[in-house]
Amino acid sequence: MFTGLVQRVGVLKRLARAGEGWSLTLTHAPWPDALVLGESVAVQGACLTVTAHGEGWFTADVLNETLQRTALRRLGEGARVNLERALALGDRLGGHIVSGHVDERGVLSAIEDRGRDVAWWITCSATLARQTVLKGSVAIDGVSLTVSGLSDDGFEVNLIPHTLKETSLCDRKPGDEVNLEGDLLGKYVARLLGQDARGGITERMLAENGFL
Protein backbone atom coordinates (compact mmCIF):
# COMPACT_ATOMS: atom_id res chain seq x y z
CA MET A 1 0.00 0.00 0.00
CA PHE A 2 1.03 3.60 -0.65
CA THR A 3 -0.12 7.10 0.28
CA GLY A 4 0.27 9.04 -2.95
CA LEU A 5 2.96 11.26 -1.43
CA VAL A 6 5.94 11.21 -3.79
CA GLN A 7 9.30 10.60 -2.09
CA ARG A 8 11.67 10.82 -5.03
CA VAL A 9 11.57 11.83 -8.68
CA GLY A 10 13.61 9.29 -10.61
CA VAL A 11 14.83 9.18 -14.19
CA LEU A 12 13.94 6.38 -16.57
CA LYS A 13 17.11 4.95 -18.09
CA ARG A 14 15.77 1.90 -19.88
CA LEU A 15 12.53 0.10 -20.68
CA ALA A 16 13.20 -2.97 -22.79
CA ARG A 17 12.12 -6.53 -23.46
CA ALA A 18 13.25 -9.12 -20.92
CA GLY A 19 12.27 -12.61 -21.97
CA GLU A 20 8.51 -12.65 -22.45
CA GLY A 21 8.05 -9.49 -20.38
CA TRP A 22 9.73 -6.14 -19.89
CA SER A 23 12.37 -4.69 -17.59
CA LEU A 24 12.59 -1.11 -16.36
CA THR A 25 15.72 0.53 -14.98
CA LEU A 26 15.84 3.98 -13.42
CA THR A 27 18.05 6.20 -11.31
CA HIS A 28 17.10 8.23 -8.26
CA ALA A 29 18.50 10.11 -5.28
CA PRO A 30 19.39 7.49 -2.63
CA TRP A 31 17.02 6.85 0.26
CA PRO A 32 18.38 6.94 3.84
CA ASP A 33 17.53 3.23 4.08
CA ALA A 34 18.67 1.27 1.04
CA LEU A 35 16.17 -0.53 -1.14
CA VAL A 36 15.66 -4.23 -0.49
CA LEU A 37 15.46 -6.90 -3.16
CA GLY A 38 11.81 -7.82 -3.67
CA GLU A 39 10.29 -4.73 -2.08
CA SER A 40 7.54 -2.72 -3.77
CA VAL A 41 8.02 0.74 -5.23
CA ALA A 42 5.31 2.77 -6.96
CA VAL A 43 6.60 4.14 -10.28
CA GLN A 44 4.23 6.76 -11.70
CA GLY A 45 1.62 5.13 -9.50
CA ALA A 46 2.24 1.56 -10.69
CA CYS A 47 3.42 -0.88 -8.02
CA LEU A 48 6.57 -2.66 -9.23
CA THR A 49 8.90 -5.16 -7.53
CA VAL A 50 12.61 -4.41 -7.18
CA THR A 51 14.60 -7.16 -8.94
CA ALA A 52 18.06 -5.56 -8.74
CA HIS A 53 19.39 -2.40 -7.14
CA GLY A 54 22.47 -0.40 -6.30
CA GLU A 55 23.41 3.03 -5.03
CA GLY A 56 20.90 5.36 -6.66
CA TRP A 57 19.30 2.90 -9.12
CA PHE A 58 17.02 -0.11 -9.34
CA THR A 59 15.51 -2.45 -11.89
CA ALA A 60 11.98 -3.88 -11.90
CA ASP A 61 10.14 -6.36 -14.08
CA VAL A 62 7.05 -5.02 -15.85
CA LEU A 63 4.14 -7.16 -17.00
CA ASN A 64 2.67 -6.80 -20.47
CA GLU A 65 -0.66 -6.06 -18.76
CA THR A 66 0.97 -3.21 -16.83
CA LEU A 67 2.22 -1.60 -20.03
CA GLN A 68 -1.19 -1.99 -21.65
CA ARG A 69 -3.04 -0.43 -18.73
CA THR A 70 -0.60 2.36 -17.82
CA ALA A 71 1.16 5.24 -19.54
CA LEU A 72 4.63 3.84 -18.75
CA ARG A 73 5.06 2.71 -22.34
CA ARG A 74 4.71 6.35 -23.45
CA LEU A 75 7.77 7.42 -21.49
CA GLY A 76 11.10 7.73 -23.23
CA GLU A 77 14.64 7.49 -21.91
CA GLY A 78 15.33 10.40 -19.59
CA ALA A 79 11.69 10.85 -18.57
CA ARG A 80 11.15 11.80 -14.94
CA VAL A 81 9.00 9.46 -12.86
CA ASN A 82 7.37 9.70 -9.43
CA LEU A 83 8.61 7.20 -6.85
CA GLU A 84 7.16 6.08 -3.53
CA ARG A 85 8.23 3.15 -1.38
CA ALA A 86 5.52 0.99 0.16
CA LEU A 87 3.88 2.20 3.35
CA ALA A 88 5.20 0.71 6.61
CA LEU A 89 3.01 0.13 9.67
CA GLY A 90 3.20 3.20 11.85
CA ASP A 91 3.94 5.62 8.97
CA ARG A 92 1.85 8.76 8.59
CA LEU A 93 -0.95 8.40 6.06
CA GLY A 94 -0.64 11.93 4.72
CA GLY A 95 -2.32 11.34 1.38
CA HIS A 96 -4.90 8.58 0.95
CA ILE A 97 -4.90 4.79 0.61
CA VAL A 98 -3.32 3.96 -2.75
CA SER A 99 -2.88 0.35 -3.88
CA GLY A 100 -0.46 1.01 -6.74
CA HIS A 101 -2.82 -0.82 -9.12
CA VAL A 102 -3.52 1.63 -11.94
CA ASP A 103 -7.13 1.50 -13.12
CA GLU A 104 -6.66 3.12 -16.49
CA ARG A 105 -4.95 5.76 -18.58
CA GLY A 106 -6.64 9.14 -18.52
CA VAL A 107 -5.89 12.20 -20.64
CA LEU A 108 -4.88 15.60 -19.34
CA SER A 109 -7.33 17.56 -21.49
CA ALA A 110 -6.88 21.09 -20.11
CA ILE A 111 -4.68 23.16 -17.82
CA GLU A 112 -5.91 26.44 -16.33
CA ASP A 113 -3.90 28.91 -14.28
CA ARG A 114 -5.73 30.02 -11.16
CA GLY A 115 -3.49 32.59 -9.60
CA ARG A 116 -0.91 30.76 -7.54
CA ASP A 117 -2.34 27.34 -8.34
CA VAL A 118 -3.14 25.32 -11.46
CA ALA A 119 -6.31 23.39 -12.30
CA TRP A 120 -6.19 20.22 -14.39
CA TRP A 121 -9.14 18.64 -16.16
CA ILE A 122 -8.73 14.90 -16.65
CA THR A 123 -10.80 12.89 -19.11
CA CYS A 124 -11.46 9.32 -18.00
CA SER A 125 -13.92 6.47 -18.45
CA ALA A 126 -17.51 6.82 -17.27
CA THR A 127 -16.87 3.97 -14.83
CA LEU A 128 -14.04 5.78 -13.05
CA ALA A 129 -15.97 9.06 -13.12
CA ARG A 130 -18.91 7.38 -11.31
CA GLN A 131 -16.56 6.12 -8.59
CA THR A 132 -15.16 9.63 -8.03
CA VAL A 133 -16.73 12.10 -5.61
CA LEU A 134 -16.30 15.82 -5.07
CA LYS A 135 -13.60 16.48 -2.45
CA GLY A 136 -12.65 12.81 -2.62
CA SER A 137 -9.21 11.52 -3.55
CA VAL A 138 -7.65 10.28 -6.77
CA ALA A 139 -4.08 9.32 -7.67
CA ILE A 140 -2.62 10.81 -10.87
CA ASP A 141 0.77 9.35 -11.83
CA GLY A 142 1.00 8.20 -8.22
CA VAL A 143 0.27 11.63 -6.70
CA SER A 144 -2.61 11.93 -4.21
CA LEU A 145 -4.90 14.79 -5.24
CA THR A 146 -8.30 16.12 -4.19
CA VAL A 147 -11.17 16.20 -6.68
CA SER A 148 -12.50 19.75 -7.19
CA GLY A 149 -14.91 19.17 -10.08
CA LEU A 150 -16.81 16.35 -11.76
CA SER A 151 -18.49 15.41 -15.03
CA ASP A 152 -19.77 12.20 -16.60
CA ASP A 153 -16.44 11.57 -18.30
CA GLY A 154 -13.87 13.33 -16.19
CA PHE A 155 -12.88 15.34 -13.16
CA GLU A 156 -10.89 18.39 -12.08
CA VAL A 157 -8.05 18.65 -9.57
CA ASN A 158 -6.08 21.64 -8.32
CA LEU A 159 -2.30 21.56 -7.89
CA ILE A 160 -0.30 23.80 -5.61
CA PRO A 161 3.20 24.97 -6.64
CA HIS A 162 4.89 22.53 -4.24
CA THR A 163 3.23 19.53 -5.90
CA LEU A 164 4.30 20.65 -9.36
CA LYS A 165 7.83 21.39 -8.20
CA GLU A 166 8.39 18.12 -6.34
CA THR A 167 6.81 15.66 -8.80
CA SER A 168 6.91 14.78 -12.47
CA LEU A 169 3.47 16.34 -12.97
CA CYS A 170 5.16 19.56 -14.03
CA ASP A 171 6.32 17.71 -17.20
CA ARG A 172 2.78 16.94 -18.34
CA LYS A 173 1.00 18.98 -21.02
CA PRO A 174 -2.51 18.88 -22.53
CA GLY A 175 -3.03 15.70 -24.53
CA ASP A 176 -0.65 13.62 -22.39
CA GLU A 177 -1.80 10.31 -20.95
CA VAL A 178 -1.60 9.88 -17.18
CA ASN A 179 -2.00 6.92 -14.84
CA LEU A 180 -5.20 7.01 -12.81
CA GLU A 181 -6.14 5.10 -9.69
CA GLY A 182 -9.56 5.81 -8.25
CA ASP A 183 -10.35 5.87 -4.56
CA LEU A 184 -10.29 2.34 -3.15
CA LEU A 185 -13.37 2.88 -0.98
CA GLY A 186 -15.28 4.20 -3.98
CA LYS A 187 -14.55 1.02 -5.92
CA TYR A 188 -15.88 -1.18 -3.13
CA VAL A 189 -19.03 0.93 -2.77
CA ALA A 190 -19.63 0.81 -6.53
CA ARG A 191 -19.18 -2.95 -6.51
CA LEU A 192 -21.55 -3.45 -3.58
CA LEU A 193 -24.16 -1.21 -5.20
CA GLY A 194 -23.90 -3.29 -8.36
CA GLN A 195 -22.95 -0.52 -10.77
CA ASP A 196 -22.57 -2.93 -13.66
CA ALA A 197 -24.68 -4.84 -16.18
CA ARG A 198 -26.32 -6.89 -13.44
CA GLY A 199 -28.07 -3.87 -11.95
CA GLY A 200 -27.97 -3.62 -8.16
CA ILE A 201 -29.68 -1.04 -5.96
CA THR A 202 -31.95 1.12 -8.11
CA GLU A 203 -34.83 3.52 -7.42
CA ARG A 204 -37.26 0.95 -8.87
CA MET A 205 -35.91 -1.84 -6.68
CA LEU A 206 -36.23 0.34 -3.55
CA ALA A 207 -39.83 1.29 -4.45
CA GLU A 208 -40.79 -2.35 -5.07
CA ASN A 209 -39.51 -3.25 -1.62
CA GLY A 210 -41.33 -0.46 0.21
CA PHE A 211 -38.43 1.95 0.77
CA LEU A 212 -39.94 4.78 -1.35
C-alpha atoms as a PDB file:
ATOM      1  CA  MET A   1       0.000   0.000   0.000  1.00  0.00           C
ATOM      2  CA  PHE A   2       1.029   3.598  -0.647  1.00  0.00           C
ATOM      3  CA  THR A   3      -0.125   7.099   0.283  1.00  0.00           C
ATOM      4  CA  GLY A   4       0.267   9.036  -2.954  1.00  0.00           C
ATOM      5  CA  LEU A   5       2.963  11.256  -1.434  1.00  0.00           C
ATOM      6  CA  VAL A   6       5.939  11.213  -3.788  1.00  0.00           C
ATOM      7  CA  GLN A   7       9.298  10.604  -2.085  1.00  0.00           C
ATOM      8  CA  ARG A   8      11.675  10.819  -5.027  1.00  0.00           C
ATOM      9  CA  VAL A   9      11.566  11.831  -8.682  1.00  0.00           C
ATOM     10  CA  GLY A  10      13.613   9.286 -10.607  1.00  0.00           C
ATOM     11  CA  VAL A  11      14.830   9.184 -14.188  1.00  0.00           C
ATOM     12  CA  LEU A  12      13.942   6.380 -16.574  1.00  0.00           C
ATOM     13  CA  LYS A  13      17.114   4.948 -18.089  1.00  0.00           C
ATOM     14  CA  ARG A  14      15.773   1.897 -19.883  1.00  0.00           C
ATOM     15  CA  LEU A  15      12.529   0.100 -20.681  1.00  0.00           C
ATOM     16  CA  ALA A  16      13.198  -2.966 -22.791  1.00  0.00           C
ATOM     17  CA  ARG A  17      12.123  -6.525 -23.457  1.00  0.00           C
ATOM     18  CA  ALA A  18      13.245  -9.117 -20.925  1.00  0.00           C
ATOM     19  CA  GLY A  19      12.268 -12.606 -21.968  1.00  0.00           C
ATOM     20  CA  GLU A  20       8.510 -12.648 -22.450  1.00  0.00           C
ATOM     21  CA  GLY A  21       8.046  -9.491 -20.383  1.00  0.00           C
ATOM     22  CA  TRP A  22       9.732  -6.144 -19.887  1.00  0.00           C
ATOM     23  CA  SER A  23      12.368  -4.691 -17.585  1.00  0.00           C
ATOM     24  CA  LEU A  24      12.591  -1.113 -16.358  1.00  0.00           C
ATOM     25  CA  THR A  25      15.720   0.533 -14.977  1.00  0.00           C
ATOM     26  CA  LEU A  26      15.836   3.984 -13.422  1.00  0.00           C
ATOM     27  CA  THR A  27      18.051   6.201 -11.311  1.00  0.00           C
ATOM     28  CA  HIS A  28      17.103   8.233  -8.260  1.00  0.00           C
ATOM     29  CA  ALA A  29      18.497  10.107  -5.283  1.00  0.00           C
ATOM     30  CA  PRO A  30      19.395   7.490  -2.634  1.00  0.00           C
ATOM     31  CA  TRP A  31      17.022   6.848   0.259  1.00  0.00           C
ATOM     32  CA  PRO A  32      18.381   6.943   3.836  1.00  0.00           C
ATOM     33  CA  ASP A  33      17.525   3.229   4.077  1.00  0.00           C
ATOM     34  CA  ALA A  34      18.668   1.271   1.044  1.00  0.00           C
ATOM     35  CA  LEU A  35      16.166  -0.526  -1.137  1.00  0.00           C
ATOM     36  CA  VAL A  36      15.665  -4.233  -0.487  1.00  0.00           C
ATOM     37  CA  LEU A  37      15.463  -6.901  -3.157  1.00  0.00           C
ATOM     38  CA  GLY A  38      11.807  -7.824  -3.671  1.00  0.00           C
ATOM     39  CA  GLU A  39      10.291  -4.728  -2.083  1.00  0.00           C
ATOM     40  CA  SER A  40       7.543  -2.721  -3.768  1.00  0.00           C
ATOM     41  CA  VAL A  41       8.017   0.742  -5.232  1.00  0.00           C
ATOM     42  CA  ALA A  42       5.315   2.774  -6.959  1.00  0.00           C
ATOM     43  CA  VAL A  43       6.604   4.142 -10.277  1.00  0.00           C
ATOM     44  CA  GLN A  44       4.234   6.760 -11.704  1.00  0.00           C
ATOM     45  CA  GLY A  45       1.621   5.131  -9.496  1.00  0.00           C
ATOM     46  CA  ALA A  46       2.242   1.559 -10.688  1.00  0.00           C
ATOM     47  CA  CYS A  47       3.415  -0.884  -8.024  1.00  0.00           C
ATOM     48  CA  LEU A  48       6.570  -2.660  -9.229  1.00  0.00           C
ATOM     49  CA  THR A  49       8.898  -5.156  -7.525  1.00  0.00           C
ATOM     50  CA  VAL A  50      12.608  -4.409  -7.183  1.00  0.00           C
ATOM     51  CA  THR A  51      14.597  -7.161  -8.943  1.00  0.00           C
ATOM     52  CA  ALA A  52      18.056  -5.565  -8.743  1.00  0.00           C
ATOM     53  CA  HIS A  53      19.390  -2.403  -7.140  1.00  0.00           C
ATOM     54  CA  GLY A  54      22.471  -0.402  -6.304  1.00  0.00           C
ATOM     55  CA  GLU A  55      23.407   3.033  -5.028  1.00  0.00           C
ATOM     56  CA  GLY A  56      20.897   5.359  -6.665  1.00  0.00           C
ATOM     57  CA  TRP A  57      19.295   2.904  -9.118  1.00  0.00           C
ATOM     58  CA  PHE A  58      17.023  -0.110  -9.343  1.00  0.00           C
ATOM     59  CA  THR A  59      15.510  -2.445 -11.889  1.00  0.00           C
ATOM     60  CA  ALA A  60      11.983  -3.883 -11.900  1.00  0.00           C
ATOM     61  CA  ASP A  61      10.136  -6.358 -14.078  1.00  0.00           C
ATOM     62  CA  VAL A  62       7.049  -5.024 -15.850  1.00  0.00           C
ATOM     63  CA  LEU A  63       4.136  -7.161 -17.000  1.00  0.00           C
ATOM     64  CA  ASN A  64       2.670  -6.804 -20.470  1.00  0.00           C
ATOM     65  CA  GLU A  65      -0.658  -6.056 -18.757  1.00  0.00           C
ATOM     66  CA  THR A  66       0.971  -3.214 -16.827  1.00  0.00           C
ATOM     67  CA  LEU A  67       2.220  -1.596 -20.026  1.00  0.00           C
ATOM     68  CA  GLN A  68      -1.185  -1.993 -21.646  1.00  0.00           C
ATOM     69  CA  ARG A  69      -3.036  -0.426 -18.731  1.00  0.00           C
ATOM     70  CA  THR A  70      -0.600   2.357 -17.820  1.00  0.00           C
ATOM     71  CA  ALA A  71       1.158   5.240 -19.543  1.00  0.00           C
ATOM     72  CA  LEU A  72       4.629   3.841 -18.750  1.00  0.00           C
ATOM     73  CA  ARG A  73       5.059   2.708 -22.342  1.00  0.00           C
ATOM     74  CA  ARG A  74       4.706   6.349 -23.452  1.00  0.00           C
ATOM     75  CA  LEU A  75       7.766   7.418 -21.486  1.00  0.00           C
ATOM     76  CA  GLY A  76      11.101   7.729 -23.234  1.00  0.00           C
ATOM     77  CA  GLU A  77      14.641   7.491 -21.914  1.00  0.00           C
ATOM     78  CA  GLY A  78      15.327  10.404 -19.593  1.00  0.00           C
ATOM     79  CA  ALA A  79      11.694  10.852 -18.572  1.00  0.00           C
ATOM     80  CA  ARG A  80      11.150  11.802 -14.945  1.00  0.00           C
ATOM     81  CA  VAL A  81       9.000   9.458 -12.855  1.00  0.00           C
ATOM     82  CA  ASN A  82       7.373   9.701  -9.434  1.00  0.00           C
ATOM     83  CA  LEU A  83       8.607   7.198  -6.855  1.00  0.00           C
ATOM     84  CA  GLU A  84       7.159   6.085  -3.532  1.00  0.00           C
ATOM     85  CA  ARG A  85       8.227   3.151  -1.383  1.00  0.00           C
ATOM     86  CA  ALA A  86       5.520   0.987   0.164  1.00  0.00           C
ATOM     87  CA  LEU A  87       3.882   2.198   3.352  1.00  0.00           C
ATOM     88  CA  ALA A  88       5.196   0.713   6.611  1.00  0.00           C
ATOM     89  CA  LEU A  89       3.010   0.126   9.668  1.00  0.00           C
ATOM     90  CA  GLY A  90       3.205   3.204  11.854  1.00  0.00           C
ATOM     91  CA  ASP A  91       3.940   5.619   8.975  1.00  0.00           C
ATOM     92  CA  ARG A  92       1.853   8.764   8.592  1.00  0.00           C
ATOM     93  CA  LEU A  93      -0.951   8.405   6.064  1.00  0.00           C
ATOM     94  CA  GLY A  94      -0.637  11.925   4.724  1.00  0.00           C
ATOM     95  CA  GLY A  95      -2.318  11.339   1.376  1.00  0.00           C
ATOM     96  CA  HIS A  96      -4.902   8.578   0.946  1.00  0.00           C
ATOM     97  CA  ILE A  97      -4.901   4.792   0.612  1.00  0.00           C
ATOM     98  CA  VAL A  98      -3.315   3.955  -2.751  1.00  0.00           C
ATOM     99  CA  SER A  99      -2.876   0.350  -3.883  1.00  0.00           C
ATOM    100  CA  GLY A 100      -0.465   1.011  -6.745  1.00  0.00           C
ATOM    101  CA  HIS A 101      -2.817  -0.817  -9.115  1.00  0.00           C
ATOM    102  CA  VAL A 102      -3.516   1.633 -11.936  1.00  0.00           C
ATOM    103  CA  ASP A 103      -7.130   1.503 -13.123  1.00  0.00           C
ATOM    104  CA  GLU A 104      -6.662   3.117 -16.494  1.00  0.00           C
ATOM    105  CA  ARG A 105      -4.950   5.758 -18.577  1.00  0.00           C
ATOM    106  CA  GLY A 106      -6.637   9.143 -18.516  1.00  0.00           C
ATOM    107  CA  VAL A 107      -5.891  12.202 -20.636  1.00  0.00           C
ATOM    108  CA  LEU A 108      -4.880  15.605 -19.345  1.00  0.00           C
ATOM    109  CA  SER A 109      -7.326  17.558 -21.485  1.00  0.00           C
ATOM    110  CA  ALA A 110      -6.884  21.091 -20.110  1.00  0.00           C
ATOM    111  CA  ILE A 111      -4.677  23.165 -17.816  1.00  0.00           C
ATOM    112  CA  GLU A 112      -5.908  26.438 -16.332  1.00  0.00           C
ATOM    113  CA  ASP A 113      -3.902  28.912 -14.282  1.00  0.00           C
ATOM    114  CA  ARG A 114      -5.727  30.024 -11.159  1.00  0.00           C
ATOM    115  CA  GLY A 115      -3.491  32.591  -9.595  1.00  0.00           C
ATOM    116  CA  ARG A 116      -0.908  30.762  -7.542  1.00  0.00           C
ATOM    117  CA  ASP A 117      -2.345  27.343  -8.343  1.00  0.00           C
ATOM    118  CA  VAL A 118      -3.142  25.321 -11.464  1.00  0.00           C
ATOM    119  CA  ALA A 119      -6.312  23.391 -12.297  1.00  0.00           C
ATOM    120  CA  TRP A 120      -6.192  20.220 -14.387  1.00  0.00           C
ATOM    121  CA  TRP A 121      -9.137  18.639 -16.163  1.00  0.00           C
ATOM    122  CA  ILE A 122      -8.732  14.903 -16.652  1.00  0.00           C
ATOM    123  CA  THR A 123     -10.805  12.890 -19.113  1.00  0.00           C
ATOM    124  CA  CYS A 124     -11.462   9.323 -18.003  1.00  0.00           C
ATOM    125  CA  SER A 125     -13.923   6.466 -18.453  1.00  0.00           C
ATOM    126  CA  ALA A 126     -17.515   6.816 -17.271  1.00  0.00           C
ATOM    127  CA  THR A 127     -16.870   3.972 -14.827  1.00  0.00           C
ATOM    128  CA  LEU A 128     -14.041   5.782 -13.046  1.00  0.00           C
ATOM    129  CA  ALA A 129     -15.972   9.059 -13.124  1.00  0.00           C
ATOM    130  CA  ARG A 130     -18.907   7.379 -11.314  1.00  0.00           C
ATOM    131  CA  GLN A 131     -16.556   6.122  -8.593  1.00  0.00           C
ATOM    132  CA  THR A 132     -15.165   9.633  -8.034  1.00  0.00           C
ATOM    133  CA  VAL A 133     -16.728  12.098  -5.608  1.00  0.00           C
ATOM    134  CA  LEU A 134     -16.303  15.818  -5.070  1.00  0.00           C
ATOM    135  CA  LYS A 135     -13.598  16.483  -2.449  1.00  0.00           C
ATOM    136  CA  GLY A 136     -12.651  12.810  -2.624  1.00  0.00           C
ATOM    137  CA  SER A 137      -9.213  11.519  -3.554  1.00  0.00           C
ATOM    138  CA  VAL A 138      -7.651  10.279  -6.771  1.00  0.00           C
ATOM    139  CA  ALA A 139      -4.081   9.324  -7.669  1.00  0.00           C
ATOM    140  CA  ILE A 140      -2.618  10.806 -10.866  1.00  0.00           C
ATOM    141  CA  ASP A 141       0.769   9.350 -11.833  1.00  0.00           C
ATOM    142  CA  GLY A 142       0.999   8.203  -8.220  1.00  0.00           C
ATOM    143  CA  VAL A 143       0.266  11.632  -6.702  1.00  0.00           C
ATOM    144  CA  SER A 144      -2.605  11.931  -4.212  1.00  0.00           C
ATOM    145  CA  LEU A 145      -4.896  14.789  -5.242  1.00  0.00           C
ATOM    146  CA  THR A 146      -8.303  16.120  -4.188  1.00  0.00           C
ATOM    147  CA  VAL A 147     -11.169  16.202  -6.681  1.00  0.00           C
ATOM    148  CA  SER A 148     -12.503  19.746  -7.189  1.00  0.00           C
ATOM    149  CA  GLY A 149     -14.907  19.175 -10.083  1.00  0.00           C
ATOM    150  CA  LEU A 150     -16.812  16.348 -11.765  1.00  0.00           C
ATOM    151  CA  SER A 151     -18.491  15.406 -15.029  1.00  0.00           C
ATOM    152  CA  ASP A 152     -19.773  12.201 -16.600  1.00  0.00           C
ATOM    153  CA  ASP A 153     -16.440  11.572 -18.295  1.00  0.00           C
ATOM    154  CA  GLY A 154     -13.866  13.327 -16.190  1.00  0.00           C
ATOM    155  CA  PHE A 155     -12.875  15.344 -13.160  1.00  0.00           C
ATOM    156  CA  GLU A 156     -10.890  18.385 -12.077  1.00  0.00           C
ATOM    157  CA  VAL A 157      -8.046  18.653  -9.574  1.00  0.00           C
ATOM    158  CA  ASN A 158      -6.078  21.641  -8.321  1.00  0.00           C
ATOM    159  CA  LEU A 159      -2.303  21.555  -7.894  1.00  0.00           C
ATOM    160  CA  ILE A 160      -0.295  23.795  -5.613  1.00  0.00           C
ATOM    161  CA  PRO A 161       3.205  24.969  -6.644  1.00  0.00           C
ATOM    162  CA  HIS A 162       4.893  22.525  -4.245  1.00  0.00           C
ATOM    163  CA  THR A 163       3.226  19.529  -5.904  1.00  0.00           C
ATOM    164  CA  LEU A 164       4.300  20.649  -9.362  1.00  0.00           C
ATOM    165  CA  LYS A 165       7.835  21.391  -8.203  1.00  0.00           C
ATOM    166  CA  GLU A 166       8.389  18.123  -6.338  1.00  0.00           C
ATOM    167  CA  THR A 167       6.808  15.663  -8.798  1.00  0.00           C
ATOM    168  CA  SER A 168       6.910  14.782 -12.474  1.00  0.00           C
ATOM    169  CA  LEU A 169       3.466  16.337 -12.966  1.00  0.00           C
ATOM    170  CA  CYS A 170       5.165  19.557 -14.035  1.00  0.00           C
ATOM    171  CA  ASP A 171       6.319  17.707 -17.195  1.00  0.00           C
ATOM    172  CA  ARG A 172       2.777  16.942 -18.335  1.00  0.00           C
ATOM    173  CA  LYS A 173       0.997  18.984 -21.017  1.00  0.00           C
ATOM    174  CA  PRO A 174      -2.511  18.883 -22.535  1.00  0.00           C
ATOM    175  CA  GLY A 175      -3.026  15.695 -24.526  1.00  0.00           C
ATOM    176  CA  ASP A 176      -0.653  13.618 -22.394  1.00  0.00           C
ATOM    177  CA  GLU A 177      -1.804  10.314 -20.950  1.00  0.00           C
ATOM    178  CA  VAL A 178      -1.602   9.883 -17.179  1.00  0.00           C
ATOM    179  CA  ASN A 179      -1.997   6.922 -14.841  1.00  0.00           C
ATOM    180  CA  LEU A 180      -5.199   7.014 -12.811  1.00  0.00           C
ATOM    181  CA  GLU A 181      -6.139   5.105  -9.687  1.00  0.00           C
ATOM    182  CA  GLY A 182      -9.557   5.810  -8.246  1.00  0.00           C
ATOM    183  CA  ASP A 183     -10.352   5.871  -4.560  1.00  0.00           C
ATOM    184  CA  LEU A 184     -10.287   2.339  -3.151  1.00  0.00           C
ATOM    185  CA  LEU A 185     -13.373   2.882  -0.981  1.00  0.00           C
ATOM    186  CA  GLY A 186     -15.282   4.204  -3.984  1.00  0.00           C
ATOM    187  CA  LYS A 187     -14.549   1.019  -5.921  1.00  0.00           C
ATOM    188  CA  TYR A 188     -15.884  -1.183  -3.133  1.00  0.00           C
ATOM    189  CA  VAL A 189     -19.028   0.930  -2.765  1.00  0.00           C
ATOM    190  CA  ALA A 190     -19.630   0.814  -6.533  1.00  0.00           C
ATOM    191  CA  ARG A 191     -19.184  -2.948  -6.513  1.00  0.00           C
ATOM    192  CA  LEU A 192     -21.553  -3.448  -3.580  1.00  0.00           C
ATOM    193  CA  LEU A 193     -24.155  -1.209  -5.202  1.00  0.00           C
ATOM    194  CA  GLY A 194     -23.900  -3.288  -8.357  1.00  0.00           C
ATOM    195  CA  GLN A 195     -22.950  -0.520 -10.770  1.00  0.00           C
ATOM    196  CA  ASP A 196     -22.570  -2.929 -13.659  1.00  0.00           C
ATOM    197  CA  ALA A 197     -24.677  -4.837 -16.181  1.00  0.00           C
ATOM    198  CA  ARG A 198     -26.324  -6.894 -13.435  1.00  0.00           C
ATOM    199  CA  GLY A 199     -28.074  -3.868 -11.948  1.00  0.00           C
ATOM    200  CA  GLY A 200     -27.970  -3.618  -8.162  1.00  0.00           C
ATOM    201  CA  ILE A 201     -29.676  -1.037  -5.958  1.00  0.00           C
ATOM    202  CA  THR A 202     -31.951   1.123  -8.114  1.00  0.00           C
ATOM    203  CA  GLU A 203     -34.830   3.520  -7.417  1.00  0.00           C
ATOM    204  CA  ARG A 204     -37.259   0.954  -8.873  1.00  0.00           C
ATOM    205  CA  MET A 205     -35.909  -1.837  -6.676  1.00  0.00           C
ATOM    206  CA  LEU A 206     -36.234   0.339  -3.551  1.00  0.00           C
ATOM    207  CA  ALA A 207     -39.825   1.291  -4.450  1.00  0.00           C
ATOM    208  CA  GLU A 208     -40.791  -2.348  -5.074  1.00  0.00           C
ATOM    209  CA  ASN A 209     -39.509  -3.250  -1.618  1.00  0.00           C
ATOM    210  CA  GLY A 210     -41.325  -0.461   0.209  1.00  0.00           C
ATOM    211  CA  PHE A 211     -38.433   1.954   0.766  1.00  0.00           C
ATOM    212  CA  LEU A 212     -39.938   4.783  -1.353  1.00  0.00           C
END
